[in-house]
Amino acid sequence: MNDRYKVQIFYGSNEEAKKTLSQFKKEFRQLDGTIVYTDPTFKVWVGTFKTRIEAERNYKEILKKYPNALLIRPNK
C-alpha cells in the first residue's frame, strides 16, 4: 500500500506528456516526475509527498505554473 501523495500536472498525448515533464523538471529541480499510461491517456505525476501538508504546500507552488494540476493519492 502506497500512502504517498502526488500531483498530476498533465494528461493527454505521449508527446505532450514528455514535453510537460521535461519542462517541469527545469522549473522544479527538487521534485521527481513520471509518465503514467492509463489507456487511452498519458498522465504526468510529480513529487512523492509523505504527508498531506507537504503535498499541499508543493501543490500550491505547482498550481502557479500548472493551473490544471490535481492533488492525487494513487492507490497502488
PDB file of N, CA and C in Angstrom:
ATOM      1  N   MET A   1       0.850  -1.207   0.000  1.00  0.00           N
ATOM      2  CA  MET A   1       0.000   0.000   0.000  1.00  0.00           C
ATOM      3  C   MET A   1       0.881   1.250   0.000  1.00  0.00           C
ATOM      4  N   ASN A   2       0.595   2.118  -0.895  1.00  0.00           N
ATOM      5  CA  ASN A   2       1.392   3.336  -1.043  1.00  0.00           C
ATOM      6  C   ASN A   2       0.592   4.529  -0.536  1.00  0.00           C
ATOM      7  N   ASP A   3       1.012   5.073   0.586  1.00  0.00           N
ATOM      8  CA  ASP A   3       0.284   6.205   1.171  1.00  0.00           C
ATOM      9  C   ASP A   3       0.897   7.544   0.811  1.00  0.00           C
ATOM     10  N   ARG A   4       1.498   7.614  -0.342  1.00  0.00           N
ATOM     11  CA  ARG A   4       2.151   8.847  -0.765  1.00  0.00           C
ATOM     12  C   ARG A   4       1.195   9.700  -1.604  1.00  0.00           C
ATOM     13  N   TYR A   5       1.396  10.988  -1.535  1.00  0.00           N
ATOM     14  CA  TYR A   5       0.626  11.912  -2.373  1.00  0.00           C
ATOM     15  C   TYR A   5       1.478  12.315  -3.565  1.00  0.00           C
ATOM     16  N   LYS A   6       0.804  12.575  -4.670  1.00  0.00           N
ATOM     17  CA  LYS A   6       1.471  13.061  -5.874  1.00  0.00           C
ATOM     18  C   LYS A   6       0.617  14.172  -6.467  1.00  0.00           C
ATOM     19  N   VAL A   7       1.196  14.878  -7.428  1.00  0.00           N
ATOM     20  CA  VAL A   7       0.445  15.908  -8.135  1.00  0.00           C
ATOM     21  C   VAL A   7       0.429  15.531  -9.612  1.00  0.00           C
ATOM     22  N   GLN A   8      -0.777  15.478 -10.179  1.00  0.00           N
ATOM     23  CA  GLN A   8      -0.905  15.228 -11.610  1.00  0.00           C
ATOM     24  C   GLN A   8      -0.934  16.581 -12.303  1.00  0.00           C
ATOM     25  N   ILE A   9       0.032  16.810 -13.202  1.00  0.00           N
ATOM     26  CA  ILE A   9       0.094  18.116 -13.866  1.00  0.00           C
ATOM     27  C   ILE A   9      -0.395  18.073 -15.306  1.00  0.00           C
ATOM     28  N   PHE A  10      -0.609  16.869 -15.840  1.00  0.00           N
ATOM     29  CA  PHE A  10      -0.996  16.793 -17.245  1.00  0.00           C
ATOM     30  C   PHE A  10      -1.644  15.449 -17.547  1.00  0.00           C
ATOM     31  N   TYR A  11      -2.569  15.442 -18.499  1.00  0.00           N
ATOM     32  CA  TYR A  11      -2.986  14.184 -19.130  1.00  0.00           C
ATOM     33  C   TYR A  11      -3.299  14.473 -20.583  1.00  0.00           C
ATOM     34  N   GLY A  12      -2.971  13.523 -21.425  1.00  0.00           N
ATOM     35  CA  GLY A  12      -3.174  13.709 -22.860  1.00  0.00           C
ATOM     36  C   GLY A  12      -2.244  12.808 -23.655  1.00  0.00           C
ATOM     37  N   SER A  13      -1.682  13.340 -24.736  1.00  0.00           N
ATOM     38  CA  SER A  13      -0.853  12.537 -25.638  1.00  0.00           C
ATOM     39  C   SER A  13       0.538  12.282 -25.056  1.00  0.00           C
ATOM     40  N   ASN A  14       1.177  11.233 -25.562  1.00  0.00           N
ATOM     41  CA  ASN A  14       2.519  10.872 -25.124  1.00  0.00           C
ATOM     42  C   ASN A  14       3.505  12.007 -25.397  1.00  0.00           C
ATOM     43  N   GLU A  15       3.451  12.589 -26.594  1.00  0.00           N
ATOM     44  CA  GLU A  15       4.384  13.669 -26.942  1.00  0.00           C
ATOM     45  C   GLU A  15       4.244  14.859 -25.997  1.00  0.00           C
ATOM     46  N   GLU A  16       3.007  15.262 -25.751  1.00  0.00           N
ATOM     47  CA  GLU A  16       2.780  16.398 -24.851  1.00  0.00           C
ATOM     48  C   GLU A  16       3.180  16.060 -23.419  1.00  0.00           C
ATOM     49  N   ALA A  17       2.960  14.820 -23.019  1.00  0.00           N
ATOM     50  CA  ALA A  17       3.360  14.391 -21.672  1.00  0.00           C
ATOM     51  C   ALA A  17       4.868  14.510 -21.515  1.00  0.00           C
ATOM     52  N   LYS A  18       5.611  14.076 -22.526  1.00  0.00           N
ATOM     53  CA  LYS A  18       7.082  14.159 -22.481  1.00  0.00           C
ATOM     54  C   LYS A  18       7.537  15.612 -22.390  1.00  0.00           C
ATOM     55  N   LYS A  19       6.924  16.479 -23.194  1.00  0.00           N
ATOM     56  CA  LYS A  19       7.281  17.903 -23.172  1.00  0.00           C
ATOM     57  C   LYS A  19       6.974  18.518 -21.816  1.00  0.00           C
ATOM     58  N   THR A  20       5.810  18.180 -21.282  1.00  0.00           N
ATOM     59  CA  THR A  20       5.384  18.733 -19.997  1.00  0.00           C
ATOM     60  C   THR A  20       6.331  18.300 -18.887  1.00  0.00           C
ATOM     61  N   LEU A  21       6.694  17.028 -18.868  1.00  0.00           N
ATOM     62  CA  LEU A  21       7.595  16.525 -17.832  1.00  0.00           C
ATOM     63  C   LEU A  21       8.969  17.176 -17.955  1.00  0.00           C
ATOM     64  N   SER A  22       9.458  17.307 -19.167  1.00  0.00           N
ATOM     65  CA  SER A  22      10.760  17.931 -19.396  1.00  0.00           C
ATOM     66  C   SER A  22      10.764  19.373 -18.893  1.00  0.00           C
ATOM     67  N   GLN A  23       9.709  20.109 -19.212  1.00  0.00           N
ATOM     68  CA  GLN A  23       9.580  21.493 -18.765  1.00  0.00           C
ATOM     69  C   GLN A  23       9.482  21.559 -17.239  1.00  0.00           C
ATOM     70  N   PHE A  24       8.711  20.669 -16.665  1.00  0.00           N
ATOM     71  CA  PHE A  24       8.536  20.639 -15.214  1.00  0.00           C
ATOM     72  C   PHE A  24       9.869  20.446 -14.503  1.00  0.00           C
ATOM     73  N   LYS A  25      10.694  19.528 -15.025  1.00  0.00           N
ATOM     74  CA  LYS A  25      11.980  19.223 -14.385  1.00  0.00           C
ATOM     75  C   LYS A  25      12.923  20.419 -14.415  1.00  0.00           C
ATOM     76  N   LYS A  26      12.759  21.303 -15.385  1.00  0.00           N
ATOM     77  CA  LYS A  26      13.577  22.521 -15.426  1.00  0.00           C
ATOM     78  C   LYS A  26      13.106  23.513 -14.368  1.00  0.00           C
ATOM     79  N   GLU A  27      11.814  23.545 -14.113  1.00  0.00           N
ATOM     80  CA  GLU A  27      11.229  24.519 -13.190  1.00  0.00           C
ATOM     81  C   GLU A  27      11.268  24.059 -11.731  1.00  0.00           C
ATOM     82  N   PHE A  28      11.144  22.760 -11.531  1.00  0.00           N
ATOM     83  CA  PHE A  28      11.084  22.205 -10.170  1.00  0.00           C
ATOM     84  C   PHE A  28      12.143  21.106 -10.053  1.00  0.00           C
ATOM     85  N   ARG A  29      13.399  21.521  -9.983  1.00  0.00           N
ATOM     86  CA  ARG A  29      14.502  20.551  -9.991  1.00  0.00           C
ATOM     87  C   ARG A  29      14.479  19.596  -8.802  1.00  0.00           C
ATOM     88  N   GLN A  30      13.886  20.033  -7.704  1.00  0.00           N
ATOM     89  CA  GLN A  30      13.917  19.217  -6.483  1.00  0.00           C
ATOM     90  C   GLN A  30      12.865  18.105  -6.489  1.00  0.00           C
ATOM     91  N   LEU A  31      11.945  18.120  -7.450  1.00  0.00           N
ATOM     92  CA  LEU A  31      10.876  17.115  -7.478  1.00  0.00           C
ATOM     93  C   LEU A  31      11.076  16.132  -8.624  1.00  0.00           C
ATOM     94  N   ASP A  32      10.759  14.870  -8.365  1.00  0.00           N
ATOM     95  CA  ASP A  32      10.829  13.870  -9.419  1.00  0.00           C
ATOM     96  C   ASP A  32       9.511  13.850 -10.178  1.00  0.00           C
ATOM     97  N   GLY A  33       9.514  13.200 -11.308  1.00  0.00           N
ATOM     98  CA  GLY A  33       8.287  13.110 -12.091  1.00  0.00           C
ATOM     99  C   GLY A  33       8.283  11.841 -12.910  1.00  0.00           C
ATOM    100  N   THR A  34       7.104  11.399 -13.274  1.00  0.00           N
ATOM    101  CA  THR A  34       6.996  10.191 -14.074  1.00  0.00           C
ATOM    102  C   THR A  34       5.775  10.277 -14.985  1.00  0.00           C
ATOM    103  N   ILE A  35       5.838   9.545 -16.087  1.00  0.00           N
ATOM    104  CA  ILE A  35       4.700   9.476 -17.003  1.00  0.00           C
ATOM    105  C   ILE A  35       4.003   8.141 -16.769  1.00  0.00           C
ATOM    106  N   VAL A  36       2.706   8.194 -16.549  1.00  0.00           N
ATOM    107  CA  VAL A  36       1.911   7.000 -16.287  1.00  0.00           C
ATOM    108  C   VAL A  36       0.915   6.847 -17.433  1.00  0.00           C
ATOM    109  N   TYR A  37       0.863   5.660 -17.994  1.00  0.00           N
ATOM    110  CA  TYR A  37      -0.078   5.425 -19.095  1.00  0.00           C
ATOM    111  C   TYR A  37      -1.303   4.687 -18.573  1.00  0.00           C
ATOM    112  N   THR A  38      -2.451   5.320 -18.758  1.00  0.00           N
ATOM    113  CA  THR A  38      -3.721   4.669 -18.448  1.00  0.00           C
ATOM    114  C   THR A  38      -4.567   4.783 -19.712  1.00  0.00           C
ATOM    115  N   ASP A  39      -4.745   3.700 -20.383  1.00  0.00           N
ATOM    116  CA  ASP A  39      -5.435   3.679 -21.665  1.00  0.00           C
ATOM    117  C   ASP A  39      -6.685   4.556 -21.634  1.00  0.00           C
ATOM    118  N   PRO A  40      -6.860   5.554 -22.466  1.00  0.00           N
ATOM    119  CA  PRO A  40      -6.038   5.902 -23.624  1.00  0.00           C
ATOM    120  C   PRO A  40      -5.136   7.125 -23.400  1.00  0.00           C
ATOM    121  N   THR A  41      -4.935   7.556 -22.185  1.00  0.00           N
ATOM    122  CA  THR A  41      -4.164   8.793 -21.999  1.00  0.00           C
ATOM    123  C   THR A  41      -2.882   8.583 -21.199  1.00  0.00           C
ATOM    124  N   PHE A  42      -1.988   9.540 -21.404  1.00  0.00           N
ATOM    125  CA  PHE A  42      -0.743   9.588 -20.643  1.00  0.00           C
ATOM    126  C   PHE A  42      -0.902  10.670 -19.585  1.00  0.00           C
ATOM    127  N   LYS A  43      -0.442  10.374 -18.370  1.00  0.00           N
ATOM    128  CA  LYS A  43      -0.536  11.332 -17.275  1.00  0.00           C
ATOM    129  C   LYS A  43       0.858  11.626 -16.769  1.00  0.00           C
ATOM    130  N   VAL A  44       1.079  12.848 -16.338  1.00  0.00           N
ATOM    131  CA  VAL A  44       2.359  13.201 -15.730  1.00  0.00           C
ATOM    132  C   VAL A  44       2.108  13.409 -14.247  1.00  0.00           C
ATOM    133  N   TRP A  45       2.755  12.568 -13.426  1.00  0.00           N
ATOM    134  CA  TRP A  45       2.664  12.658 -11.977  1.00  0.00           C
ATOM    135  C   TRP A  45       4.004  13.132 -11.446  1.00  0.00           C
ATOM    136  N   VAL A  46       3.969  14.078 -10.540  1.00  0.00           N
ATOM    137  CA  VAL A  46       5.216  14.614  -9.996  1.00  0.00           C
ATOM    138  C   VAL A  46       5.193  14.599  -8.474  1.00  0.00           C
ATOM    139  N   GLY A  47       6.405  14.550  -7.935  1.00  0.00           N
ATOM    140  CA  GLY A  47       6.554  14.576  -6.481  1.00  0.00           C
ATOM    141  C   GLY A  47       6.138  13.279  -5.834  1.00  0.00           C
ATOM    142  N   THR A  48       6.648  13.055  -4.644  1.00  0.00           N
ATOM    143  CA  THR A  48       6.214  11.951  -3.794  1.00  0.00           C
ATOM    144  C   THR A  48       6.230  12.524  -2.389  1.00  0.00           C
ATOM    145  N   PHE A  49       5.068  12.839  -1.898  1.00  0.00           N
ATOM    146  CA  PHE A  49       4.971  13.534  -0.613  1.00  0.00           C
ATOM    147  C   PHE A  49       4.420  12.599   0.453  1.00  0.00           C
ATOM    148  N   LYS A  50       5.092  12.571   1.591  1.00  0.00           N
ATOM    149  CA  LYS A  50       4.717  11.650   2.661  1.00  0.00           C
ATOM    150  C   LYS A  50       3.471  12.110   3.401  1.00  0.00           C
ATOM    151  N   THR A  51       3.291  13.423   3.500  1.00  0.00           N
ATOM    152  CA  THR A  51       2.149  13.934   4.260  1.00  0.00           C
ATOM    153  C   THR A  51       1.295  14.833   3.380  1.00  0.00           C
ATOM    154  N   ARG A  52       0.051  14.967   3.764  1.00  0.00           N
ATOM    155  CA  ARG A  52      -0.855  15.844   3.024  1.00  0.00           C
ATOM    156  C   ARG A  52      -0.393  17.291   3.111  1.00  0.00           C
ATOM    157  N   ILE A  53       0.131  17.689   4.268  1.00  0.00           N
ATOM    158  CA  ILE A  53       0.607  19.068   4.446  1.00  0.00           C
ATOM    159  C   ILE A  53       1.741  19.377   3.473  1.00  0.00           C
ATOM    160  N   GLU A  54       2.702  18.477   3.399  1.00  0.00           N
ATOM    161  CA  GLU A  54       3.820  18.640   2.467  1.00  0.00           C
ATOM    162  C   GLU A  54       3.303  18.673   1.029  1.00  0.00           C
ATOM    163  N   ALA A  55       2.370  17.792   0.720  1.00  0.00           N
ATOM    164  CA  ALA A  55       1.804  17.726  -0.628  1.00  0.00           C
ATOM    165  C   ALA A  55       1.100  19.040  -0.983  1.00  0.00           C
ATOM    166  N   GLU A  56       0.300  19.555  -0.046  1.00  0.00           N
ATOM    167  CA  GLU A  56      -0.457  20.781  -0.336  1.00  0.00           C
ATOM    168  C   GLU A  56       0.453  21.994  -0.502  1.00  0.00           C
ATOM    169  N   ARG A  57       1.528  22.034   0.276  1.00  0.00           N
ATOM    170  CA  ARG A  57       2.466  23.147   0.156  1.00  0.00           C
ATOM    171  C   ARG A  57       3.083  23.165  -1.242  1.00  0.00           C
ATOM    172  N   ASN A  58       3.530  22.010  -1.702  1.00  0.00           N
ATOM    173  CA  ASN A  58       4.107  21.906  -3.043  1.00  0.00           C
ATOM    174  C   ASN A  58       3.053  22.115  -4.120  1.00  0.00           C
ATOM    175  N   TYR A  59       1.874  21.579  -3.879  1.00  0.00           N
ATOM    176  CA  TYR A  59       0.772  21.704  -4.835  1.00  0.00           C
ATOM    177  C   TYR A  59       0.464  23.169  -5.130  1.00  0.00           C
ATOM    178  N   LYS A  60       0.465  23.993  -4.093  1.00  0.00           N
ATOM    179  CA  LYS A  60       0.188  25.433  -4.289  1.00  0.00           C
ATOM    180  C   LYS A  60       1.217  26.069  -5.208  1.00  0.00           C
ATOM    181  N   GLU A  61       2.483  25.680  -5.054  1.00  0.00           N
ATOM    182  CA  GLU A  61       3.541  26.209  -5.927  1.00  0.00           C
ATOM    183  C   GLU A  61       3.352  25.708  -7.355  1.00  0.00           C
ATOM    184  N   ILE A  62       3.062  24.424  -7.492  1.00  0.00           N
ATOM    185  CA  ILE A  62       2.896  23.825  -8.821  1.00  0.00           C
ATOM    186  C   ILE A  62       1.706  24.439  -9.556  1.00  0.00           C
ATOM    187  N   LEU A  63       0.636  24.729  -8.813  1.00  0.00           N
ATOM    188  CA  LEU A  63      -0.568  25.324  -9.421  1.00  0.00           C
ATOM    189  C   LEU A  63      -0.287  26.648 -10.116  1.00  0.00           C
ATOM    190  N   LYS A  64       0.697  27.390  -9.630  1.00  0.00           N
ATOM    191  CA  LYS A  64       1.018  28.682 -10.247  1.00  0.00           C
ATOM    192  C   LYS A  64       1.434  28.513 -11.700  1.00  0.00           C
ATOM    193  N   LYS A  65       2.125  27.421 -11.994  1.00  0.00           N
ATOM    194  CA  LYS A  65       2.579  27.169 -13.363  1.00  0.00           C
ATOM    195  C   LYS A  65       1.689  26.189 -14.112  1.00  0.00           C
ATOM    196  N   TYR A  66       1.006  25.320 -13.349  1.00  0.00           N
ATOM    197  CA  TYR A  66       0.155  24.290 -13.951  1.00  0.00           C
ATOM    198  C   TYR A  66      -1.236  24.395 -13.332  1.00  0.00           C
ATOM    199  N   PRO A  67      -2.042  25.334 -13.832  1.00  0.00           N
ATOM    200  CA  PRO A  67      -3.341  25.622 -13.204  1.00  0.00           C
ATOM    201  C   PRO A  67      -4.317  24.449 -13.205  1.00  0.00           C
ATOM    202  N   ASN A  68      -4.079  23.443 -14.036  1.00  0.00           N
ATOM    203  CA  ASN A  68      -4.973  22.282 -14.063  1.00  0.00           C
ATOM    204  C   ASN A  68      -4.475  21.125 -13.206  1.00  0.00           C
ATOM    205  N   ALA A  69      -3.443  21.372 -12.420  1.00  0.00           N
ATOM    206  CA  ALA A  69      -2.865  20.304 -11.591  1.00  0.00           C
ATOM    207  C   ALA A  69      -3.875  19.779 -10.585  1.00  0.00           C
ATOM    208  N   LEU A  70      -3.743  18.506 -10.259  1.00  0.00           N
ATOM    209  CA  LEU A  70      -4.616  17.847  -9.288  1.00  0.00           C
ATOM    210  C   LEU A  70      -3.767  17.184  -8.217  1.00  0.00           C
ATOM    211  N   LEU A  71      -4.167  17.322  -6.979  1.00  0.00           N
ATOM    212  CA  LEU A  71      -3.500  16.597  -5.899  1.00  0.00           C
ATOM    213  C   LEU A  71      -4.132  15.204  -5.839  1.00  0.00           C
ATOM    214  N   ILE A  72      -3.313  14.178  -5.988  1.00  0.00           N
ATOM    215  CA  ILE A  72      -3.838  12.816  -6.053  1.00  0.00           C
ATOM    216  C   ILE A  72      -3.146  11.912  -5.027  1.00  0.00           C
ATOM    217  N   ARG A  73      -3.771  10.788  -4.797  1.00  0.00           N
ATOM    218  CA  ARG A  73      -3.209   9.784  -3.903  1.00  0.00           C
ATOM    219  C   ARG A  73      -3.383   8.437  -4.600  1.00  0.00           C
ATOM    220  N   PRO A  74      -2.412   8.097  -5.461  1.00  0.00           N
ATOM    221  CA  PRO A  74      -2.554   6.854  -6.222  1.00  0.00           C
ATOM    222  C   PRO A  74      -2.678   5.670  -5.278  1.00  0.00           C
ATOM    223  N   ASN A  75      -3.647   4.807  -5.502  1.00  0.00           N
ATOM    224  CA  ASN A  75      -3.835   3.678  -4.592  1.00  0.00           C
ATOM    225  C   ASN A  75      -3.141   2.449  -5.150  1.00  0.00           C
ATOM    226  N   LYS A  76      -1.822   2.434  -5.028  1.00  0.00           N
ATOM    227  CA  LYS A  76      -1.027   1.301  -5.513  1.00  0.00           C
ATOM    228  C   LYS A  76      -0.592   0.460  -4.343  1.00  0.00           C
TER     229      LYS A  76
END
